[in-house]
Amino acid sequence: MQPSRRAFVVFNYIFLTLLSLAMLLPFLHILAGSFSSGPAITQGRVSIVPVEFTLGNFQAVLGDPKIWRSFWVTILITVVGTAVNLTATSLMSYGLSKHELKGRSAIVLIVLFTMIFPAPMIPSYLLVKELGLLNSVWSLVVPGAISAFNMIIMISFFRGIPEGLTESARIDGAGEYYTLWKIVLPLSLPSLSTIGLFYAVGHWNSYAQALMYIRNQELFPLQVLLRRLLVDSDEQMLIRVNNAVQSVEGIKMASIMVATIPILLVYPFIQKHFVKGAMLGSIKG
């Protein structure tokens, strides 16, 4: 290896290691604080290892019925929203991947326009209001049913599937929906898993839309409730609501972990498809 190439590789390793630590250490600090006692946190003795280990912070958080209610609302939005996203994106991408579709280029151009110039906040709010979706979980699902970026990835992936497979299905009498369901989608599992993860993470972390469209506190997703715990609540209120004598910082850290860990647990199940799906969808077409 040439010296300049070796220096570039070493620089990349050092840079990526420092970048990884910059993102990982705050998470480990929050995780350690969530398992540490109140005095240890307030005295600044917690780094990335729990001090005076306790589960009291999590007991205080999980004992709050508001947390559970928002947790189930978030799960509902994530599951239903991801299913709607994958269905709508697959159907539109499959159609636009067909060269014989008339006006395909114009439709793709319109989609790309929305990706470059997204709808402003006020027109989006008025549209959701006119559709009667305000104060409903559907306001967090329907407006973002199709992501232009994910649709482009899916179109590229579908174009990579040999046309001979779909032509053989048509010769055997299969219709377009049957071909899509029985042949194309099973071959697109890596791409579907990757895009599904993108959508699921987006729904799990939905905050701005929920803050704008949802007024009923019983429909608040987890991120909105977490924001109220972290920013809007004072110490006495937080302790009284959670009915536990723990430090406020410890309860806040446990709340962050409760909102973060579930979506992290999804990643290992689709890890084997993630890199393959993203790369294939990005380089073909």
Protein backbone atom coordinates (compact mmCIF):
# COMPACT_ATOMS: atom_id res chain seq x y z
CA MET A 1 0.00 0.00 0.00
CA GLN A 2 1.34 3.42 -0.91
CA PRO A 3 2.19 5.78 1.99
CA SER A 4 -0.42 8.32 0.90
CA ARG A 5 -3.06 5.59 0.71
CA ARG A 6 -2.02 4.25 4.13
CA ALA A 7 -2.23 7.75 5.65
CA PHE A 8 -5.72 8.20 4.14
CA VAL A 9 -6.89 4.89 5.60
CA VAL A 10 -5.46 5.71 9.04
CA PHE A 11 -7.11 9.15 8.95
CA ASN A 12 -10.43 7.57 8.06
CA TYR A 13 -10.19 5.08 10.93
CA ILE A 14 -9.34 7.83 13.42
CA PHE A 15 -12.04 10.18 12.13
CA LEU A 16 -14.77 7.53 12.09
CA THR A 17 -13.75 6.29 15.55
CA LEU A 18 -13.97 9.79 17.02
CA LEU A 19 -17.27 10.40 15.22
CA SER A 20 -18.67 7.12 16.57
CA LEU A 21 -17.57 7.98 20.11
CA ALA A 22 -19.14 11.44 19.83
CA MET A 23 -22.48 9.79 19.08
CA LEU A 24 -22.14 6.78 21.39
CA LEU A 25 -20.84 8.38 24.60
CA PRO A 26 -23.88 10.65 25.21
CA PHE A 27 -26.15 7.62 24.79
CA LEU A 28 -24.07 5.59 27.27
CA HIS A 29 -24.12 8.51 29.72
CA ILE A 30 -27.91 8.72 29.55
CA LEU A 31 -28.16 4.92 29.91
CA ALA A 32 -25.85 4.93 32.96
CA GLY A 33 -27.75 7.82 34.54
CA SER A 34 -31.07 6.03 34.12
CA PHE A 35 -29.75 3.17 36.29
CA SER A 36 -28.03 5.42 38.87
CA SER A 37 -29.34 6.82 42.14
CA GLY A 38 -30.47 10.42 42.48
CA PRO A 39 -27.58 11.56 44.72
CA ALA A 40 -24.99 10.05 42.35
CA ILE A 41 -26.50 11.97 39.42
CA THR A 42 -26.85 15.30 41.22
CA GLN A 43 -23.27 15.03 42.53
CA GLY A 44 -21.96 14.44 38.99
CA ARG A 45 -20.43 11.02 39.74
CA VAL A 46 -22.07 9.27 36.76
CA SER A 47 -20.10 8.93 33.52
CA ILE A 48 -20.80 5.89 31.34
CA VAL A 49 -21.11 3.36 34.18
CA PRO A 50 -24.10 3.30 36.59
CA VAL A 51 -23.31 4.47 40.14
CA GLU A 52 -25.36 3.06 43.04
CA PHE A 53 -27.39 0.88 40.66
CA THR A 54 -31.15 1.23 40.96
CA LEU A 55 -34.27 0.50 38.94
CA GLY A 56 -36.20 3.21 40.74
CA ASN A 57 -36.03 5.64 37.83
CA PHE A 58 -37.63 3.12 35.47
CA GLN A 59 -40.20 2.15 38.10
CA ALA A 60 -41.14 5.83 38.42
CA VAL A 61 -41.46 6.25 34.66
CA LEU A 62 -43.28 3.00 33.95
CA GLY A 63 -45.63 3.64 36.86
CA ASP A 64 -47.05 6.66 35.08
CA PRO A 65 -50.17 5.68 33.08
CA LYS A 66 -49.54 8.58 30.67
CA ILE A 67 -46.32 6.92 29.57
CA TRP A 68 -48.11 3.65 28.78
CA ARG A 69 -50.92 5.41 26.95
CA SER A 70 -48.49 7.36 24.78
CA PHE A 71 -46.42 4.20 24.31
CA TRP A 72 -49.36 2.30 22.83
CA VAL A 73 -50.34 5.28 20.66
CA THR A 74 -46.79 5.36 19.30
CA ILE A 75 -46.81 1.62 18.60
CA LEU A 76 -50.17 1.98 16.79
CA ILE A 77 -48.86 4.85 14.67
CA THR A 78 -45.64 2.98 13.90
CA VAL A 79 -47.27 -0.33 12.92
CA VAL A 80 -50.23 1.06 10.98
CA GLY A 81 -48.20 3.89 9.45
CA THR A 82 -45.41 1.59 8.27
CA ALA A 83 -47.92 -0.84 6.75
CA VAL A 84 -49.63 2.01 4.89
CA ASN A 85 -46.26 3.41 3.79
CA LEU A 86 -45.01 0.09 2.42
CA THR A 87 -48.27 -0.66 0.64
CA ALA A 88 -48.57 2.76 -1.01
CA THR A 89 -44.87 3.00 -1.87
CA SER A 90 -44.75 -0.51 -3.36
CA LEU A 91 -47.83 0.04 -5.52
CA MET A 92 -46.68 3.39 -6.89
CA SER A 93 -43.08 2.28 -7.36
CA TYR A 94 -44.10 -0.89 -9.20
CA GLY A 95 -46.20 1.10 -11.62
CA LEU A 96 -43.52 3.73 -12.22
CA SER A 97 -40.88 1.05 -12.78
CA LYS A 98 -42.72 -0.09 -15.92
CA HIS A 99 -41.38 1.54 -19.08
CA GLU A 100 -44.67 1.00 -20.92
CA LEU A 101 -46.55 3.26 -18.48
CA LYS A 102 -47.58 6.44 -20.32
CA GLY A 103 -46.61 9.68 -18.60
CA ARG A 104 -44.19 7.88 -16.30
CA SER A 105 -41.47 10.52 -16.72
CA ALA A 106 -43.86 13.35 -15.90
CA ILE A 107 -45.09 11.62 -12.76
CA VAL A 108 -41.54 10.93 -11.58
CA LEU A 109 -40.68 14.58 -12.25
CA ILE A 110 -43.61 15.73 -10.11
CA VAL A 111 -42.52 13.40 -7.32
CA LEU A 112 -38.96 14.72 -7.49
CA PHE A 113 -40.33 18.28 -7.32
CA THR A 114 -42.06 17.49 -4.02
CA MET A 115 -38.82 16.05 -2.68
CA ILE A 116 -36.83 19.19 -3.56
CA PHE A 117 -39.57 21.65 -2.57
CA PRO A 118 -41.63 20.12 0.26
CA ALA A 119 -45.01 21.60 1.15
CA PRO A 120 -44.86 24.50 3.62
CA MET A 121 -46.30 24.08 7.09
CA ILE A 122 -49.44 26.21 6.77
CA PRO A 123 -50.74 24.68 3.49
CA SER A 124 -50.07 21.23 4.95
CA TYR A 125 -52.03 22.11 8.08
CA LEU A 126 -54.94 23.48 6.03
CA LEU A 127 -54.98 20.34 3.88
CA VAL A 128 -55.09 18.07 6.93
CA LYS A 129 -57.84 20.23 8.40
CA GLU A 130 -59.95 20.09 5.23
CA LEU A 131 -59.55 16.32 5.12
CA GLY A 132 -60.95 16.13 8.65
CA LEU A 133 -57.85 14.45 10.03
CA LEU A 134 -57.07 16.92 12.80
CA ASN A 135 -56.87 15.40 16.27
CA SER A 136 -56.59 11.93 14.78
CA VAL A 137 -53.73 9.46 14.49
CA TRP A 138 -54.43 9.39 10.75
CA SER A 139 -53.02 12.91 10.55
CA LEU A 140 -49.64 11.31 11.29
CA VAL A 141 -50.08 8.54 8.72
CA VAL A 142 -51.92 9.77 5.62
CA PRO A 143 -49.97 12.97 4.72
CA GLY A 144 -46.68 11.06 4.64
CA ALA A 145 -47.98 7.84 3.12
CA ILE A 146 -45.35 7.96 0.37
CA SER A 147 -41.83 9.30 0.78
CA ALA A 148 -40.36 10.49 -2.52
CA PHE A 149 -36.86 9.41 -1.48
CA ASN A 150 -37.95 5.91 -0.51
CA MET A 151 -40.04 5.62 -3.65
CA ILE A 152 -37.02 6.37 -5.84
CA ILE A 153 -35.06 3.63 -4.02
CA MET A 154 -37.93 1.19 -4.55
CA ILE A 155 -38.27 2.05 -8.25
CA SER A 156 -34.54 1.40 -8.76
CA PHE A 157 -34.85 -1.94 -6.98
CA PHE A 158 -37.86 -3.05 -9.04
CA ARG A 159 -36.05 -2.16 -12.26
CA GLY A 160 -33.24 -4.49 -11.21
CA ILE A 161 -35.57 -7.50 -11.20
CA PRO A 162 -35.27 -9.41 -14.53
CA GLU A 163 -38.24 -8.71 -16.74
CA GLY A 164 -38.24 -12.35 -17.81
CA LEU A 165 -39.73 -13.31 -14.45
CA THR A 166 -42.70 -10.98 -14.77
CA GLU A 167 -43.14 -11.81 -18.45
CA SER A 168 -43.28 -15.53 -17.62
CA ALA A 169 -45.93 -14.83 -15.00
CA ARG A 170 -48.02 -12.91 -17.54
CA ILE A 171 -47.71 -15.73 -20.06
CA ASP A 172 -49.03 -18.09 -17.39
CA GLY A 173 -52.05 -15.82 -16.95
CA ALA A 174 -51.05 -13.85 -13.86
CA GLY A 175 -52.32 -10.30 -13.50
CA GLU A 176 -50.26 -7.33 -12.37
CA TYR A 177 -51.35 -7.52 -8.70
CA TYR A 178 -50.70 -11.27 -8.55
CA THR A 179 -47.28 -10.78 -10.15
CA LEU A 180 -46.44 -8.02 -7.69
CA TRP A 181 -47.60 -10.00 -4.63
CA LYS A 182 -46.26 -13.45 -5.54
CA ILE A 183 -43.09 -12.68 -7.52
CA VAL A 184 -41.85 -9.10 -7.18
CA LEU A 185 -42.37 -8.43 -3.46
CA PRO A 186 -40.79 -11.72 -2.24
CA LEU A 187 -37.68 -10.84 -4.28
CA SER A 188 -37.70 -7.31 -2.83
CA LEU A 189 -37.44 -8.29 0.84
CA PRO A 190 -34.09 -6.48 1.41
CA SER A 191 -35.44 -3.26 -0.05
CA LEU A 192 -38.76 -3.56 1.80
CA SER A 193 -36.96 -4.20 5.10
CA THR A 194 -34.71 -1.18 4.64
CA ILE A 195 -37.47 1.19 3.63
CA GLY A 196 -39.74 -0.23 6.32
CA LEU A 197 -37.09 0.63 8.91
CA PHE A 198 -36.85 4.19 7.55
CA TYR A 199 -40.61 4.59 7.83
CA ALA A 200 -40.84 2.92 11.26
CA VAL A 201 -38.13 5.12 12.76
CA GLY A 202 -39.81 8.20 11.30
CA HIS A 203 -43.17 7.27 12.83
CA TRP A 204 -41.61 6.34 16.18
CA ASN A 205 -39.88 9.72 16.38
CA SER A 206 -42.84 11.71 15.03
CA TYR A 207 -42.91 14.96 16.95
CA ALA A 208 -43.44 18.11 14.86
CA GLN A 209 -46.52 16.78 13.05
CA ALA A 210 -48.01 15.44 16.28
CA LEU A 211 -47.41 18.78 17.97
CA MET A 212 -49.18 20.56 15.11
CA TYR A 213 -52.09 18.20 14.42
CA ILE A 214 -52.88 16.58 17.79
CA ARG A 215 -54.64 18.48 20.59
CA ASN A 216 -56.16 15.57 22.52
CA GLN A 217 -53.62 14.65 25.20
CA GLU A 218 -54.79 11.02 25.12
CA LEU A 219 -53.46 10.79 21.55
CA PHE A 220 -50.05 12.27 22.26
CA PRO A 221 -47.27 10.00 20.94
CA LEU A 222 -44.33 9.22 23.16
CA GLN A 223 -42.02 11.93 21.81
CA VAL A 224 -44.50 14.72 22.54
CA LEU A 225 -45.09 13.45 26.08
CA LEU A 226 -41.34 13.07 26.57
CA ARG A 227 -40.82 16.67 25.50
CA ARG A 228 -43.36 17.81 28.10
CA LEU A 229 -41.57 15.80 30.79
CA LEU A 230 -38.16 17.17 29.82
CA VAL A 231 -39.04 20.80 29.21
CA ASP A 232 -42.42 21.80 30.52
CA SER A 233 -42.50 20.07 33.92
CA ASP A 234 -40.88 21.39 37.05
CA GLU A 235 -39.33 19.16 39.68
CA GLN A 236 -42.24 18.98 42.05
CA MET A 237 -44.69 18.21 39.28
CA LEU A 238 -42.52 15.48 37.84
CA ILE A 239 -42.04 13.79 41.21
CA ARG A 240 -45.73 14.06 42.05
CA VAL A 241 -46.83 12.67 38.70
CA ASN A 242 -44.51 9.70 38.88
CA ASN A 243 -45.12 9.15 42.61
CA ALA A 244 -41.48 8.33 43.33
CA VAL A 245 -38.72 9.97 45.27
CA GLN A 246 -36.00 9.94 42.63
CA SER A 247 -33.92 12.67 41.10
CA VAL A 248 -35.58 14.57 38.30
CA GLU A 249 -32.58 14.02 36.04
CA GLY A 250 -32.70 10.26 36.65
CA ILE A 251 -36.38 10.14 35.73
CA LYS A 252 -35.71 12.19 32.60
CA MET A 253 -32.91 9.85 31.57
CA ALA A 254 -35.10 6.80 32.14
CA SER A 255 -37.84 8.44 30.06
CA ILE A 256 -35.39 8.92 27.19
CA MET A 257 -34.38 5.25 27.39
CA VAL A 258 -38.02 4.11 27.41
CA ALA A 259 -38.58 6.13 24.24
CA THR A 260 -35.38 4.96 22.54
CA ILE A 261 -34.75 1.29 23.37
CA PRO A 262 -37.87 -0.25 21.70
CA ILE A 263 -37.03 1.08 18.23
CA LEU A 264 -33.38 0.05 18.68
CA LEU A 265 -34.50 -3.53 19.29
CA VAL A 266 -36.03 -3.66 15.79
CA TYR A 267 -32.72 -3.12 14.01
CA PRO A 268 -31.03 -6.52 14.77
CA PHE A 269 -33.94 -8.40 13.17
CA ILE A 270 -33.47 -6.68 9.80
CA GLN A 271 -29.76 -5.98 9.95
CA LYS A 272 -28.93 -8.70 7.40
CA HIS A 273 -31.17 -6.98 4.83
CA PHE A 274 -30.34 -3.37 5.68
CA VAL A 275 -27.04 -2.75 3.86
CA LYS A 276 -27.99 -4.92 0.88
CA GLY A 277 -31.35 -3.21 0.42
CA ALA A 278 -29.96 0.32 0.66
CA MET A 279 -27.04 -0.31 -1.69
CA LEU A 280 -28.98 -2.21 -4.35
CA GLY A 281 -31.71 0.40 -4.41
CA SER A 282 -29.21 3.24 -4.73
CA ILE A 283 -26.95 1.98 -7.51
CA LYS A 284 -29.34 0.33 -9.94
CA GLY A 285 -31.64 1.98 -12.41
